[in-house]
Amino acid sequence: MTLTLYHYVHCPFCVRVRMALGYLELSYSSQVLAYDDEMTPVKLTGKKMLPILTHEQGSINESLDIITYLDKSNEFKTRTLSLLELETRLNTIGTPVHSLAMPYWIYTPEFNERSRAYFQSKKEEKRGPFRDLVKMQPQLMKQVAAELQKLIPKFEPFFESSELTIKDIMLASHLWGLYVVPEFQFDPKVHAYLQEVKRLCRFNYHQDFW
């Protein structure tokens, strides 16, 4: 199976697929796109949205569709678990997480001057100036910390399970961006949980740039 993953390094939906590929030990070609590259994703699937996985039969986007395609034996229980409650939770926690992380993401090796300006312009249309997000850090961190405390009782040791499932990949990929925020300190139990998911998924956030 010849696989190519087109992705952004920072994107939690792209991180989902990278984690799944690592856990399943599937080899793939990694293609990190510049955020201002509109032509490549549109050419592949008709819209500017990543991740995109190409294989012998064509291309797929939507992270869960990609993972379902890859996970032939349903190891992640993607086909059997109800994900609605978790998706609602991720929508709640994702907003402050991304507001904290975005001003830092743009200074990682993924971005150059042009793609940084493009990303910032697009995101500020929805969230407001990044400088204001930085000023809101104390409020945002308090909000995230409160949501994370609600998660801890659900670690069994994985999220609502004794074994890793798609829920862990979805949750960990959204929370991983917080590691780029130097002011944020994880609860030790959340940090330990994320590091175990990382280990099992053989995940290295910036592996394309080492």
N, C-alpha and C. Protein backbone atom coordinates (compact mmCIF):
# COMPACT_ATOMS: atom_id res chain seq x y z
N MET A 1 0.85 -1.19 0.00
CA MET A 1 0.00 0.00 0.00
C MET A 1 0.89 1.25 0.00
N THR A 2 0.82 2.04 -1.06
CA THR A 2 1.61 3.26 -1.18
C THR A 2 0.78 4.44 -0.69
N LEU A 3 1.25 5.09 0.37
CA LEU A 3 0.49 6.16 1.00
C LEU A 3 1.29 7.45 1.02
N THR A 4 0.61 8.56 0.74
CA THR A 4 1.20 9.89 0.89
C THR A 4 0.25 10.73 1.71
N LEU A 5 0.78 11.34 2.76
CA LEU A 5 -0.03 12.21 3.61
C LEU A 5 0.37 13.66 3.38
N TYR A 6 -0.60 14.46 2.93
CA TYR A 6 -0.44 15.90 2.81
C TYR A 6 -1.01 16.51 4.07
N HIS A 7 -0.20 17.30 4.78
CA HIS A 7 -0.66 17.75 6.10
C HIS A 7 0.04 19.05 6.51
N TYR A 8 -0.54 19.66 7.55
CA TYR A 8 0.10 20.75 8.28
C TYR A 8 0.58 20.15 9.60
N VAL A 9 1.72 20.59 10.07
CA VAL A 9 2.27 20.02 11.31
C VAL A 9 1.41 20.40 12.52
N HIS A 10 0.93 21.63 12.55
CA HIS A 10 0.20 22.11 13.73
C HIS A 10 -1.22 21.58 13.82
N CYS A 11 -1.81 21.19 12.72
CA CYS A 11 -3.24 20.90 12.62
C CYS A 11 -3.63 19.66 13.42
N PRO A 12 -4.52 19.77 14.40
CA PRO A 12 -4.89 18.59 15.20
C PRO A 12 -5.53 17.48 14.38
N PHE A 13 -6.25 17.83 13.34
CA PHE A 13 -6.88 16.81 12.50
C PHE A 13 -5.81 16.05 11.70
N CYS A 14 -4.76 16.75 11.32
CA CYS A 14 -3.62 16.10 10.67
C CYS A 14 -2.84 15.25 11.66
N VAL A 15 -2.68 15.75 12.88
CA VAL A 15 -1.99 14.99 13.92
C VAL A 15 -2.72 13.68 14.19
N ARG A 16 -4.06 13.71 14.14
CA ARG A 16 -4.83 12.47 14.31
C ARG A 16 -4.33 11.38 13.37
N VAL A 17 -4.19 11.75 12.11
CA VAL A 17 -3.81 10.76 11.10
C VAL A 17 -2.37 10.31 11.31
N ARG A 18 -1.49 11.23 11.65
CA ARG A 18 -0.10 10.85 11.91
C ARG A 18 -0.02 9.89 13.09
N MET A 19 -0.80 10.13 14.13
CA MET A 19 -0.81 9.23 15.28
C MET A 19 -1.32 7.85 14.88
N ALA A 20 -2.37 7.82 14.08
CA ALA A 20 -2.93 6.54 13.64
C ALA A 20 -1.92 5.77 12.78
N LEU A 21 -1.27 6.47 11.88
CA LEU A 21 -0.26 5.82 11.03
C LEU A 21 0.87 5.24 11.87
N GLY A 22 1.28 5.99 12.89
CA GLY A 22 2.35 5.51 13.76
C GLY A 22 1.94 4.29 14.56
N TYR A 23 0.74 4.34 15.11
CA TYR A 23 0.26 3.21 15.91
C TYR A 23 0.14 1.95 15.06
N LEU A 24 -0.36 2.11 13.85
CA LEU A 24 -0.55 0.98 12.95
C LEU A 24 0.74 0.57 12.24
N GLU A 25 1.80 1.34 12.46
CA GLU A 25 3.12 1.07 11.87
C GLU A 25 3.04 0.99 10.34
N LEU A 26 2.35 1.97 9.77
CA LEU A 26 2.22 2.04 8.32
C LEU A 26 3.22 3.05 7.76
N SER A 27 3.96 2.67 6.77
CA SER A 27 4.91 3.57 6.12
C SER A 27 4.16 4.52 5.18
N TYR A 28 4.62 5.76 5.13
CA TYR A 28 3.98 6.74 4.25
C TYR A 28 4.97 7.83 3.90
N SER A 29 4.69 8.52 2.82
CA SER A 29 5.47 9.69 2.44
C SER A 29 4.81 10.92 3.04
N SER A 30 5.57 11.71 3.78
CA SER A 30 5.06 12.91 4.43
C SER A 30 5.29 14.13 3.56
N GLN A 31 4.21 14.85 3.26
CA GLN A 31 4.29 16.08 2.47
C GLN A 31 3.68 17.22 3.29
N VAL A 32 4.54 18.01 3.93
CA VAL A 32 4.06 19.16 4.70
C VAL A 32 3.82 20.32 3.73
N LEU A 33 2.59 20.79 3.66
CA LEU A 33 2.27 21.89 2.75
C LEU A 33 2.39 23.23 3.47
N ALA A 34 2.79 24.24 2.74
CA ALA A 34 2.73 25.60 3.26
C ALA A 34 1.26 25.99 3.42
N TYR A 35 0.95 26.74 4.46
CA TYR A 35 -0.44 27.05 4.73
C TYR A 35 -1.06 27.89 3.62
N ASP A 36 -0.25 28.63 2.89
CA ASP A 36 -0.79 29.46 1.80
C ASP A 36 -0.82 28.72 0.47
N ASP A 37 -0.50 27.43 0.47
CA ASP A 37 -0.59 26.62 -0.75
C ASP A 37 -2.04 26.18 -0.94
N GLU A 38 -2.76 26.90 -1.75
CA GLU A 38 -4.16 26.55 -2.03
C GLU A 38 -4.27 25.58 -3.19
N MET A 39 -3.33 25.63 -4.11
CA MET A 39 -3.43 24.87 -5.35
C MET A 39 -3.36 23.36 -5.11
N THR A 40 -2.43 22.91 -4.27
CA THR A 40 -2.23 21.46 -4.11
C THR A 40 -3.47 20.75 -3.55
N PRO A 41 -4.03 21.19 -2.43
CA PRO A 41 -5.22 20.48 -1.93
C PRO A 41 -6.43 20.60 -2.86
N VAL A 42 -6.59 21.74 -3.51
CA VAL A 42 -7.71 21.89 -4.44
C VAL A 42 -7.54 20.94 -5.62
N LYS A 43 -6.32 20.79 -6.07
CA LYS A 43 -6.06 19.87 -7.18
C LYS A 43 -6.35 18.43 -6.78
N LEU A 44 -6.05 18.07 -5.54
CA LEU A 44 -6.21 16.69 -5.09
C LEU A 44 -7.66 16.33 -4.76
N THR A 45 -8.38 17.27 -4.11
CA THR A 45 -9.74 16.92 -3.62
C THR A 45 -10.80 17.97 -3.93
N GLY A 46 -10.40 19.07 -4.56
CA GLY A 46 -11.38 20.08 -4.90
C GLY A 46 -11.61 21.14 -3.86
N LYS A 47 -10.90 21.08 -2.72
CA LYS A 47 -11.06 22.11 -1.69
C LYS A 47 -9.79 22.22 -0.87
N LYS A 48 -9.60 23.39 -0.26
CA LYS A 48 -8.42 23.62 0.57
C LYS A 48 -8.71 23.10 1.97
N MET A 49 -8.44 21.83 2.17
CA MET A 49 -8.64 21.22 3.48
C MET A 49 -7.67 20.06 3.63
N LEU A 50 -6.94 20.05 4.71
CA LEU A 50 -6.05 18.95 5.04
C LEU A 50 -6.50 18.35 6.37
N PRO A 51 -6.13 17.10 6.61
CA PRO A 51 -5.20 16.25 5.88
C PRO A 51 -5.82 15.63 4.63
N ILE A 52 -4.95 15.23 3.73
CA ILE A 52 -5.34 14.44 2.56
C ILE A 52 -4.42 13.23 2.49
N LEU A 53 -5.01 12.08 2.32
CA LEU A 53 -4.23 10.85 2.12
C LEU A 53 -4.46 10.37 0.70
N THR A 54 -3.37 10.18 -0.03
CA THR A 54 -3.49 9.59 -1.35
C THR A 54 -3.00 8.14 -1.30
N HIS A 55 -3.67 7.30 -2.08
CA HIS A 55 -3.32 5.88 -2.16
C HIS A 55 -3.58 5.42 -3.59
N GLU A 56 -3.44 4.14 -3.84
CA GLU A 56 -3.52 3.64 -5.21
C GLU A 56 -4.85 3.95 -5.90
N GLN A 57 -5.93 4.01 -5.10
CA GLN A 57 -7.26 4.21 -5.69
C GLN A 57 -7.70 5.67 -5.75
N GLY A 58 -6.95 6.58 -5.10
CA GLY A 58 -7.37 7.97 -5.14
C GLY A 58 -6.95 8.74 -3.90
N SER A 59 -7.79 9.69 -3.49
CA SER A 59 -7.47 10.57 -2.38
C SER A 59 -8.64 10.62 -1.39
N ILE A 60 -8.31 10.82 -0.12
CA ILE A 60 -9.32 10.96 0.93
C ILE A 60 -8.95 12.16 1.78
N ASN A 61 -9.93 12.99 2.14
CA ASN A 61 -9.72 13.90 3.25
C ASN A 61 -10.78 13.62 4.31
N GLU A 62 -10.81 14.41 5.36
CA GLU A 62 -11.55 14.15 6.59
C GLU A 62 -10.78 13.10 7.39
N SER A 63 -10.27 13.55 8.53
CA SER A 63 -9.36 12.72 9.32
C SER A 63 -9.96 11.38 9.72
N LEU A 64 -11.21 11.36 10.16
CA LEU A 64 -11.81 10.10 10.61
C LEU A 64 -12.06 9.15 9.44
N ASP A 65 -12.36 9.69 8.29
CA ASP A 65 -12.52 8.84 7.10
C ASP A 65 -11.18 8.20 6.73
N ILE A 66 -10.11 8.99 6.84
CA ILE A 66 -8.77 8.46 6.54
C ILE A 66 -8.41 7.34 7.52
N ILE A 67 -8.65 7.59 8.81
CA ILE A 67 -8.30 6.59 9.82
C ILE A 67 -9.13 5.32 9.64
N THR A 68 -10.39 5.48 9.33
CA THR A 68 -11.24 4.31 9.08
C THR A 68 -10.72 3.50 7.91
N TYR A 69 -10.28 4.20 6.87
CA TYR A 69 -9.71 3.51 5.70
C TYR A 69 -8.44 2.75 6.07
N LEU A 70 -7.59 3.36 6.88
CA LEU A 70 -6.33 2.74 7.24
C LEU A 70 -6.50 1.57 8.21
N ASP A 71 -7.46 1.71 9.09
CA ASP A 71 -7.63 0.75 10.20
C ASP A 71 -8.52 -0.41 9.75
N LYS A 72 -7.96 -1.27 8.94
CA LYS A 72 -8.74 -2.36 8.34
C LYS A 72 -9.36 -3.29 9.38
N SER A 73 -8.68 -3.50 10.48
CA SER A 73 -9.17 -4.44 11.50
C SER A 73 -9.89 -3.75 12.65
N ASN A 74 -10.17 -2.44 12.50
CA ASN A 74 -10.91 -1.67 13.51
C ASN A 74 -10.23 -1.69 14.88
N GLU A 75 -8.91 -1.58 14.88
CA GLU A 75 -8.17 -1.56 16.14
C GLU A 75 -8.56 -0.38 17.02
N PHE A 76 -8.91 0.74 16.39
CA PHE A 76 -9.26 1.95 17.15
C PHE A 76 -10.73 2.00 17.55
N LYS A 77 -11.50 1.01 17.13
CA LYS A 77 -12.95 0.96 17.41
C LYS A 77 -13.70 2.13 16.79
N THR A 78 -13.14 2.71 15.73
CA THR A 78 -13.76 3.86 15.07
C THR A 78 -15.14 3.51 14.54
N ARG A 79 -15.31 2.29 14.07
CA ARG A 79 -16.58 1.88 13.46
C ARG A 79 -17.64 1.52 14.50
N THR A 80 -17.24 1.35 15.75
CA THR A 80 -18.19 0.85 16.76
C THR A 80 -18.47 1.83 17.90
N LEU A 81 -17.57 2.75 18.15
CA LEU A 81 -17.77 3.69 19.25
C LEU A 81 -18.61 4.89 18.82
N SER A 82 -19.41 5.39 19.75
CA SER A 82 -20.12 6.65 19.51
C SER A 82 -19.18 7.80 19.87
N LEU A 83 -18.98 8.72 18.95
CA LEU A 83 -18.03 9.80 19.15
C LEU A 83 -18.69 11.16 19.36
N LEU A 84 -20.02 11.19 19.37
CA LEU A 84 -20.73 12.47 19.43
C LEU A 84 -20.41 13.25 20.70
N GLU A 85 -20.42 12.60 21.85
CA GLU A 85 -20.16 13.30 23.11
C GLU A 85 -18.74 13.86 23.14
N LEU A 86 -17.78 13.06 22.66
CA LEU A 86 -16.40 13.52 22.65
C LEU A 86 -16.22 14.67 21.67
N GLU A 87 -16.85 14.60 20.51
CA GLU A 87 -16.73 15.69 19.54
C GLU A 87 -17.30 16.99 20.11
N THR A 88 -18.37 16.90 20.88
CA THR A 88 -18.93 18.08 21.54
C THR A 88 -17.93 18.63 22.56
N ARG A 89 -17.29 17.74 23.32
CA ARG A 89 -16.30 18.16 24.30
C ARG A 89 -15.10 18.81 23.63
N LEU A 90 -14.67 18.24 22.51
CA LEU A 90 -13.53 18.80 21.79
C LEU A 90 -13.85 20.17 21.21
N ASN A 91 -15.09 20.38 20.78
CA ASN A 91 -15.48 21.70 20.29
C ASN A 91 -15.38 22.74 21.41
N THR A 92 -15.71 22.32 22.63
CA THR A 92 -15.66 23.23 23.77
C THR A 92 -14.23 23.56 24.15
N ILE A 93 -13.40 22.55 24.23
CA ILE A 93 -12.02 22.77 24.67
C ILE A 93 -11.13 23.26 23.54
N GLY A 94 -11.49 22.94 22.30
CA GLY A 94 -10.64 23.29 21.18
C GLY A 94 -10.49 24.79 20.97
N THR A 95 -11.55 25.55 21.22
CA THR A 95 -11.49 27.00 21.00
C THR A 95 -10.43 27.66 21.86
N PRO A 96 -10.44 27.48 23.20
CA PRO A 96 -9.37 28.12 23.98
C PRO A 96 -8.00 27.51 23.74
N VAL A 97 -7.92 26.20 23.47
CA VAL A 97 -6.63 25.58 23.18
C VAL A 97 -5.99 26.22 21.95
N HIS A 98 -6.77 26.36 20.89
CA HIS A 98 -6.23 26.92 19.66
C HIS A 98 -5.94 28.41 19.79
N SER A 99 -6.74 29.11 20.57
CA SER A 99 -6.47 30.53 20.80
C SER A 99 -5.15 30.73 21.55
N LEU A 100 -4.81 29.79 22.42
CA LEU A 100 -3.53 29.85 23.12
C LEU A 100 -2.38 29.49 22.19
N ALA A 101 -2.59 28.49 21.34
CA ALA A 101 -1.48 27.93 20.55
C ALA A 101 -1.17 28.70 19.28
N MET A 102 -2.18 29.28 18.65
CA MET A 102 -1.97 29.87 17.33
C MET A 102 -0.88 30.93 17.29
N PRO A 103 -0.80 31.85 18.27
CA PRO A 103 0.27 32.86 18.19
C PRO A 103 1.67 32.26 18.28
N TYR A 104 1.78 31.03 18.78
CA TYR A 104 3.08 30.35 18.86
C TYR A 104 3.32 29.46 17.65
N TRP A 105 2.27 28.82 17.17
CA TRP A 105 2.42 27.95 15.99
C TRP A 105 3.11 28.67 14.84
N ILE A 106 2.77 29.94 14.63
CA ILE A 106 3.27 30.64 13.44
C ILE A 106 4.77 30.90 13.48
N TYR A 107 5.41 30.64 14.62
CA TYR A 107 6.87 30.82 14.71
C TYR A 107 7.61 29.48 14.80
N THR A 108 6.92 28.39 14.49
CA THR A 108 7.56 27.08 14.41
C THR A 108 8.14 26.91 13.00
N PRO A 109 8.99 25.89 12.79
CA PRO A 109 9.64 25.71 11.49
C PRO A 109 8.68 25.48 10.33
N GLU A 110 7.43 25.18 10.63
CA GLU A 110 6.44 24.93 9.57
C GLU A 110 6.17 26.16 8.72
N PHE A 111 6.34 27.34 9.29
CA PHE A 111 5.92 28.58 8.64
C PHE A 111 7.11 29.40 8.16
N ASN A 112 6.92 30.03 6.99
CA ASN A 112 7.85 31.08 6.56
C ASN A 112 7.09 32.40 6.62
N GLU A 113 7.72 33.47 6.20
CA GLU A 113 7.11 34.80 6.34
C GLU A 113 5.78 34.89 5.61
N ARG A 114 5.71 34.33 4.41
CA ARG A 114 4.49 34.44 3.60
C ARG A 114 3.36 33.59 4.17
N SER A 115 3.66 32.34 4.51
CA SER A 115 2.59 31.48 5.04
C SER A 115 2.16 31.93 6.43
N ARG A 116 3.09 32.51 7.19
CA ARG A 116 2.74 33.04 8.51
C ARG A 116 1.73 34.17 8.39
N ALA A 117 1.98 35.08 7.47
CA ALA A 117 1.07 36.21 7.27
C ALA A 117 -0.29 35.72 6.78
N TYR A 118 -0.30 34.74 5.90
CA TYR A 118 -1.55 34.17 5.38
C TYR A 118 -2.35 33.53 6.51
N PHE A 119 -1.68 32.69 7.30
CA PHE A 119 -2.34 32.02 8.42
C PHE A 119 -2.91 33.03 9.41
N GLN A 120 -2.09 33.98 9.80
CA GLN A 120 -2.53 34.96 10.79
C GLN A 120 -3.72 35.76 10.29
N SER A 121 -3.67 36.17 9.04
CA SER A 121 -4.79 36.93 8.48
C SER A 121 -6.08 36.13 8.50
N LYS A 122 -6.01 34.86 8.09
CA LYS A 122 -7.20 34.01 8.04
C LYS A 122 -7.77 33.77 9.44
N LYS A 123 -6.90 33.48 10.40
CA LYS A 123 -7.37 33.13 11.73
C LYS A 123 -7.85 34.36 12.51
N GLU A 124 -7.25 35.50 12.24
CA GLU A 124 -7.67 36.70 12.96
C GLU A 124 -9.05 37.17 12.51
N GLU A 125 -9.48 36.78 11.32
CA GLU A 125 -10.83 37.11 10.89
C GLU A 125 -11.87 36.51 11.83
N LYS A 126 -11.57 35.35 12.39
CA LYS A 126 -12.50 34.65 13.27
C LYS A 126 -12.24 34.94 14.74
N ARG A 127 -10.96 35.02 15.13
CA ARG A 127 -10.61 35.06 16.54
C ARG A 127 -10.18 36.43 17.03
N GLY A 128 -9.94 37.36 16.11
CA GLY A 128 -9.42 38.66 16.50
C GLY A 128 -7.90 38.67 16.49
N PRO A 129 -7.29 39.83 16.71
CA PRO A 129 -5.83 39.95 16.64
C PRO A 129 -5.12 38.99 17.58
N PHE A 130 -4.05 38.39 17.09
CA PHE A 130 -3.28 37.47 17.91
C PHE A 130 -2.74 38.16 19.16
N ARG A 131 -2.39 39.43 19.04
CA ARG A 131 -1.85 40.14 20.21
C ARG A 131 -2.89 40.18 21.34
N ASP A 132 -4.18 40.23 20.98
CA ASP A 132 -5.23 40.21 21.99
C ASP A 132 -5.38 38.82 22.60
N LEU A 133 -5.17 37.78 21.77
CA LEU A 133 -5.22 36.41 22.31
C LEU A 133 -4.12 36.21 23.34
N VAL A 134 -2.94 36.76 23.07
CA VAL A 134 -1.84 36.64 24.03
C VAL A 134 -2.20 37.35 25.33
N LYS A 135 -2.84 38.49 25.24
CA LYS A 135 -3.24 39.22 26.44
C LYS A 135 -4.29 38.45 27.24
N MET A 136 -5.05 37.59 26.54
CA MET A 136 -6.10 36.81 27.20
C MET A 136 -5.58 35.48 27.77
N GLN A 137 -4.28 35.27 27.73
CA GLN A 137 -3.72 34.00 28.17
C GLN A 137 -4.20 33.53 29.54
N PRO A 138 -4.17 34.38 30.57
CA PRO A 138 -4.58 33.89 31.89
C PRO A 138 -6.01 33.35 31.89
N GLN A 139 -6.90 34.05 31.24
CA GLN A 139 -8.29 33.61 31.15
C GLN A 139 -8.42 32.30 30.37
N LEU A 140 -7.73 32.23 29.25
CA LEU A 140 -7.80 31.04 28.40
C LEU A 140 -7.19 29.82 29.10
N MET A 141 -6.07 30.01 29.78
CA MET A 141 -5.42 28.91 30.48
C MET A 141 -6.30 28.39 31.62
N LYS A 142 -6.95 29.30 32.30
CA LYS A 142 -7.86 28.89 33.37
C LYS A 142 -9.01 28.07 32.81
N GLN A 143 -9.53 28.49 31.68
CA GLN A 143 -10.63 27.77 31.03
C GLN A 143 -10.20 26.36 30.60
N VAL A 144 -9.01 26.26 29.99
CA VAL A 144 -8.51 24.96 29.56
C VAL A 144 -8.25 24.06 30.75
N ALA A 145 -7.62 24.60 31.79
CA ALA A 145 -7.30 23.80 32.97
C ALA A 145 -8.57 23.21 33.60
N ALA A 146 -9.63 24.01 33.63
CA ALA A 146 -10.89 23.52 34.19
C ALA A 146 -11.45 22.37 33.36
N GLU A 147 -11.36 22.48 32.04
CA GLU A 147 -11.85 21.41 31.17
C GLU A 147 -11.01 20.15 31.32
N LEU A 148 -9.70 20.31 31.48
CA LEU A 148 -8.83 19.15 31.62
C LEU A 148 -9.11 18.41 32.93
N GLN A 149 -9.45 19.13 33.96
CA GLN A 149 -9.77 18.47 35.23
C GLN A 149 -10.99 17.56 35.08
N LYS A 150 -11.89 17.90 34.19
CA LYS A 150 -13.07 17.06 33.96
C LYS A 150 -12.70 15.77 33.24
N LEU A 151 -11.57 15.79 32.53
CA LEU A 151 -11.16 14.61 31.77
C LEU A 151 -10.48 13.56 32.65
N ILE A 152 -9.76 13.99 33.66
CA ILE A 152 -8.91 13.09 34.44
C ILE A 152 -9.66 11.88 34.99
N PRO A 153 -10.88 12.04 35.54
CA PRO A 153 -11.58 10.85 36.05
C PRO A 153 -11.94 9.84 34.97
N LYS A 154 -11.84 10.23 33.70
CA LYS A 154 -12.21 9.34 32.60
C LYS A 154 -11.02 8.54 32.07
N PHE A 155 -9.82 8.75 32.64
CA PHE A 155 -8.65 7.98 32.22
C PHE A 155 -8.65 6.64 32.94
N GLU A 156 -8.74 5.54 32.15
CA GLU A 156 -8.93 4.21 32.75
C GLU A 156 -7.93 3.15 32.30
N PRO A 157 -6.70 3.34 31.94
CA PRO A 157 -5.97 4.61 31.97
C PRO A 157 -6.15 5.44 30.70
N PHE A 158 -6.76 4.86 29.66
CA PHE A 158 -7.07 5.64 28.46
C PHE A 158 -8.46 6.23 28.60
N PHE A 159 -8.86 7.06 27.63
CA PHE A 159 -10.11 7.79 27.79
C PHE A 159 -11.29 6.84 27.71
N GLU A 160 -11.95 6.65 28.85
CA GLU A 160 -13.12 5.78 28.97
C GLU A 160 -12.84 4.36 28.51
N SER A 161 -11.60 3.90 28.66
CA SER A 161 -11.24 2.58 28.15
C SER A 161 -9.95 2.10 28.81
N SER A 162 -9.80 0.78 28.86
CA SER A 162 -8.56 0.19 29.36
C SER A 162 -7.51 0.07 28.27
N GLU A 163 -7.91 0.35 27.01
CA GLU A 163 -6.98 0.28 25.89
C GLU A 163 -7.17 1.48 24.99
N LEU A 164 -6.14 1.79 24.23
CA LEU A 164 -6.19 2.96 23.35
C LEU A 164 -7.24 2.77 22.26
N THR A 165 -8.05 3.84 22.03
CA THR A 165 -9.06 3.83 20.98
C THR A 165 -8.96 5.13 20.19
N ILE A 166 -9.85 5.26 19.24
CA ILE A 166 -9.91 6.49 18.44
C ILE A 166 -10.15 7.71 19.32
N LYS A 167 -10.81 7.54 20.45
CA LYS A 167 -11.07 8.67 21.34
C LYS A 167 -9.77 9.26 21.86
N ASP A 168 -8.80 8.41 22.15
CA ASP A 168 -7.51 8.90 22.63
C ASP A 168 -6.77 9.68 21.54
N ILE A 169 -6.85 9.19 20.33
CA ILE A 169 -6.20 9.89 19.22
C ILE A 169 -6.86 11.24 18.99
N MET A 170 -8.18 11.29 19.06
CA MET A 170 -8.89 12.55 18.88
C MET A 170 -8.55 13.54 19.99
N LEU A 171 -8.55 13.05 21.22
CA LEU A 171 -8.29 13.93 22.37
C LEU A 171 -6.83 14.39 22.39
N ALA A 172 -5.91 13.45 22.28
CA ALA A 172 -4.49 13.81 22.37
C ALA A 172 -4.08 14.77 21.26
N SER A 173 -4.61 14.57 20.06
CA SER A 173 -4.21 15.43 18.95
C SER A 173 -4.66 16.87 19.17
N HIS A 174 -5.80 17.06 19.83
CA HIS A 174 -6.26 18.42 20.11
C HIS A 174 -5.46 19.07 21.24
N LEU A 175 -5.07 18.27 22.22
CA LEU A 175 -4.36 18.84 23.36
C LEU A 175 -2.87 19.04 23.08
N TRP A 176 -2.34 18.34 22.08
CA TRP A 176 -0.90 18.38 21.86
C TRP A 176 -0.39 19.78 21.56
N GLY A 177 -1.20 20.58 20.90
CA GLY A 177 -0.77 21.93 20.57
C GLY A 177 -0.41 22.78 21.78
N LEU A 178 -0.92 22.40 22.96
CA LEU A 178 -0.61 23.18 24.16
C LEU A 178 0.86 23.08 24.55
N TYR A 179 1.55 22.05 24.08
CA TYR A 179 2.97 21.94 24.41
C TYR A 179 3.79 23.07 23.81
N VAL A 180 3.25 23.76 22.83
CA VAL A 180 3.99 24.87 22.21
C VAL A 180 3.84 26.16 23.00
N VAL A 181 2.93 26.16 23.99
CA VAL A 181 2.66 27.36 24.80
C VAL A 181 3.49 27.28 26.07
N PRO A 182 4.57 28.05 26.18
CA PRO A 182 5.48 27.88 27.33
C PRO A 182 4.84 28.22 28.67
N GLU A 183 3.83 29.08 28.66
CA GLU A 183 3.20 29.49 29.91
C GLU A 183 2.25 28.43 30.47
N PHE A 184 1.83 27.48 29.62
CA PHE A 184 0.85 26.50 30.08
C PHE A 184 1.53 25.33 30.76
N GLN A 185 1.02 24.95 31.92
CA GLN A 185 1.55 23.81 32.66
C GLN A 185 0.48 22.74 32.78
N PHE A 186 0.76 21.56 32.23
CA PHE A 186 -0.19 20.45 32.30
C PHE A 186 -0.27 19.90 33.72
N ASP A 187 -1.46 19.46 34.09
CA ASP A 187 -1.60 18.62 35.26
C ASP A 187 -0.75 17.37 35.01
N PRO A 188 0.00 16.88 36.00
CA PRO A 188 0.86 15.71 35.78
C PRO A 188 0.13 14.50 35.22
N LYS A 189 -1.12 14.30 35.61
CA LYS A 189 -1.88 13.15 35.12
C LYS A 189 -2.21 13.30 33.63
N VAL A 190 -2.51 14.51 33.19
CA VAL A 190 -2.79 14.75 31.78
C VAL A 190 -1.51 14.61 30.97
N HIS A 191 -0.43 15.16 31.50
CA HIS A 191 0.86 15.03 30.81
C HIS A 191 1.24 13.56 30.65
N ALA A 192 1.10 12.78 31.70
CA ALA A 192 1.45 11.36 31.64
C ALA A 192 0.59 10.63 30.61
N TYR A 193 -0.69 10.97 30.58
CA TYR A 193 -1.61 10.37 29.62
C TYR A 193 -1.17 10.70 28.19
N LEU A 194 -0.88 11.96 27.91
CA LEU A 194 -0.48 12.37 26.57
C LEU A 194 0.83 11.72 26.16
N GLN A 195 1.75 11.60 27.08
CA GLN A 195 3.03 10.99 26.75
C GLN A 195 2.88 9.50 26.47
N GLU A 196 1.94 8.83 27.12
CA GLU A 196 1.71 7.41 26.83
C GLU A 196 1.07 7.23 25.45
N VAL A 197 0.13 8.10 25.11
CA VAL A 197 -0.45 8.05 23.75
C VAL A 197 0.65 8.31 22.73
N LYS A 198 1.49 9.29 22.99
CA LYS A 198 2.62 9.60 22.10
C LYS A 198 3.50 8.37 21.91
N ARG A 199 3.82 7.69 22.99
CA ARG A 199 4.70 6.51 22.91
C ARG A 199 4.07 5.42 22.05
N LEU A 200 2.81 5.12 22.33
CA LEU A 200 2.13 4.04 21.60
C LEU A 200 1.96 4.37 20.12
N CYS A 201 1.82 5.66 19.83
CA CYS A 201 1.62 6.08 18.43
C CYS A 201 2.93 6.45 17.73
N ARG A 202 4.05 6.28 18.44
CA ARG A 202 5.35 6.57 17.84
C ARG A 202 5.34 7.97 17.21
N PHE A 203 4.83 8.91 17.96
CA PHE A 203 4.54 10.25 17.43
C PHE A 203 5.67 11.21 17.77
N ASN A 204 6.12 11.95 16.78
CA ASN A 204 7.13 12.98 16.96
C ASN A 204 6.64 14.24 16.26
N TYR A 205 6.26 15.23 17.03
CA TYR A 205 5.53 16.38 16.52
C TYR A 205 6.22 17.06 15.34
N HIS A 206 7.51 17.32 15.47
CA HIS A 206 8.24 18.06 14.44
C HIS A 206 9.21 17.17 13.68
N GLN A 207 8.89 15.89 13.52
CA GLN A 207 9.83 14.96 12.90
C GLN A 207 10.24 15.37 11.48
N ASP A 208 9.40 16.09 10.78
CA ASP A 208 9.73 16.50 9.41
C ASP A 208 10.81 17.58 9.36
N PHE A 209 11.14 18.16 10.50
CA PHE A 209 12.08 19.27 10.50
C PHE A 209 13.38 18.97 11.23
N TRP A 210 13.53 17.76 11.76
CA TRP A 210 14.77 17.44 12.46
C TRP A 210 15.90 17.21 11.46
